[in-house]
Amino acid sequence: MHPSTTASKHGLKLYLTGFALALTLTAIPFALVAMGLLPKVPTLIVIAVAAVIQVLVHLRYFLHLDLSTTPRETILAIVFAAVLIFIMVGGSIWIMFVLQQRLLV
């Protein structure tokens, strides 16, 4: 077998594994919400955990980032982006809760 064919099959296997994981991590929260299997708070926790795991799956299987071969600058850029996203999402949720409390008073 030609070396490029073997590498191509290995790459295809990684993409299919990532696709299967991403599909599963999307279907689980969707099913929980659609069927109402859990109360509200545990459902939100499962959705948040599935979202974080799915981001890691995308970074590993589709962007091919891992800690051993990725340059340090790339890892630092990803961590910086994650911190900014956390601040923006957390701040937005905080503002929405404060506004909701003011409406209820």
Protein backbone atom coordinates (compact mmCIF):
# COMPACT_ATOMS: atom_id res chain seq x y z
CA MET A 1 0.00 0.00 0.00
CA HIS A 2 1.26 3.48 -0.82
CA PRO A 3 2.30 5.60 2.23
CA SER A 4 0.04 8.52 1.24
CA THR A 5 -2.95 6.16 1.05
CA THR A 6 -2.25 4.91 4.57
CA ALA A 7 -1.94 8.47 5.89
CA SER A 8 -5.14 9.43 4.08
CA LYS A 9 -7.05 6.54 5.67
CA HIS A 10 -5.64 7.46 9.09
CA GLY A 11 -6.74 11.08 8.58
CA LEU A 12 -10.18 9.97 7.44
CA LYS A 13 -10.49 7.77 10.53
CA LEU A 14 -9.69 10.77 12.76
CA TYR A 15 -12.24 12.96 10.98
CA LEU A 16 -14.93 10.28 11.23
CA THR A 17 -14.18 9.74 14.92
CA GLY A 18 -14.42 13.49 15.54
CA PHE A 19 -17.64 13.68 13.55
CA ALA A 20 -19.19 10.82 15.53
CA LEU A 21 -18.19 12.42 18.84
CA ALA A 22 -19.47 15.84 17.78
CA LEU A 23 -22.76 14.34 16.62
CA THR A 24 -23.17 12.45 19.90
CA LEU A 25 -22.31 15.53 21.96
CA THR A 26 -24.96 17.47 20.03
CA ALA A 27 -27.65 14.77 20.20
CA ILE A 28 -27.43 14.22 23.97
CA PRO A 29 -28.37 17.79 25.03
CA PHE A 30 -30.93 18.01 22.22
CA ALA A 31 -32.61 14.82 23.42
CA LEU A 32 -32.58 15.98 27.05
CA VAL A 33 -34.32 19.23 26.15
CA ALA A 34 -36.73 17.72 23.62
CA MET A 35 -37.86 14.89 25.89
CA GLY A 36 -37.58 16.73 29.22
CA LEU A 37 -35.77 13.83 30.88
CA LEU A 38 -34.08 15.89 33.60
CA PRO A 39 -35.05 18.92 35.67
CA LYS A 40 -33.91 22.35 34.46
CA VAL A 41 -30.65 22.79 36.40
CA PRO A 42 -29.17 19.32 35.68
CA THR A 43 -30.11 19.76 32.01
CA LEU A 44 -28.25 23.08 31.88
CA ILE A 45 -25.22 21.46 33.52
CA VAL A 46 -25.23 18.61 30.99
CA ILE A 47 -25.52 21.12 28.12
CA ALA A 48 -22.58 23.16 29.47
CA VAL A 49 -20.38 20.08 29.98
CA ALA A 50 -21.25 18.74 26.52
CA ALA A 51 -20.41 22.13 24.99
CA VAL A 52 -16.98 22.25 26.64
CA ILE A 53 -16.21 18.67 25.61
CA GLN A 54 -17.35 19.42 22.07
CA VAL A 55 -14.98 22.39 21.85
CA LEU A 56 -12.14 20.09 22.92
CA VAL A 57 -13.21 17.48 20.34
CA HIS A 58 -13.17 20.11 17.60
CA LEU A 59 -9.75 21.35 18.65
CA ARG A 60 -8.30 17.83 18.70
CA TYR A 61 -9.94 16.08 15.75
CA PHE A 62 -10.60 18.91 13.29
CA LEU A 63 -7.94 21.51 14.09
CA HIS A 64 -5.38 18.82 15.03
CA LEU A 65 -4.20 20.64 18.14
CA ASP A 66 -2.57 18.75 20.96
CA LEU A 67 -0.16 19.75 23.68
CA SER A 68 2.81 17.77 22.38
CA THR A 69 3.15 19.13 18.83
CA THR A 70 1.44 22.52 18.98
CA PRO A 71 3.71 25.56 19.40
CA ARG A 72 3.46 27.38 22.70
CA GLU A 73 2.22 30.59 21.05
CA THR A 74 -0.76 28.78 19.55
CA ILE A 75 -1.71 27.30 22.91
CA LEU A 76 -1.43 30.72 24.56
CA ALA A 77 -3.63 32.28 21.85
CA ILE A 78 -6.27 29.58 22.39
CA VAL A 79 -6.20 30.07 26.17
CA PHE A 80 -6.47 33.85 25.74
CA ALA A 81 -9.45 33.44 23.40
CA ALA A 82 -11.10 31.04 25.87
CA VAL A 83 -10.66 33.52 28.73
CA LEU A 84 -12.16 36.31 26.64
CA ILE A 85 -15.13 34.14 25.66
CA PHE A 86 -15.63 33.14 29.30
CA ILE A 87 -15.61 36.80 30.38
CA MET A 88 -18.05 37.82 27.62
CA VAL A 89 -20.49 34.95 28.19
CA GLY A 90 -20.24 35.15 31.98
CA GLY A 91 -20.69 38.92 31.94
CA SER A 92 -23.69 38.67 29.63
CA ILE A 93 -25.35 36.07 31.85
CA TRP A 94 -24.61 38.16 34.92
CA ILE A 95 -26.17 41.25 33.31
CA MET A 96 -29.26 39.26 32.29
CA PHE A 97 -29.74 37.95 35.84
CA VAL A 98 -29.36 41.43 37.31
CA LEU A 99 -31.89 42.82 34.84
CA GLN A 100 -34.30 40.00 35.64
CA GLN A 101 -33.99 40.72 39.37
CA ARG A 102 -34.71 44.41 38.76
CA LEU A 103 -37.80 43.54 36.73
CA LEU A 104 -39.13 41.29 39.49
CA VAL A 105 -38.85 43.98 42.21
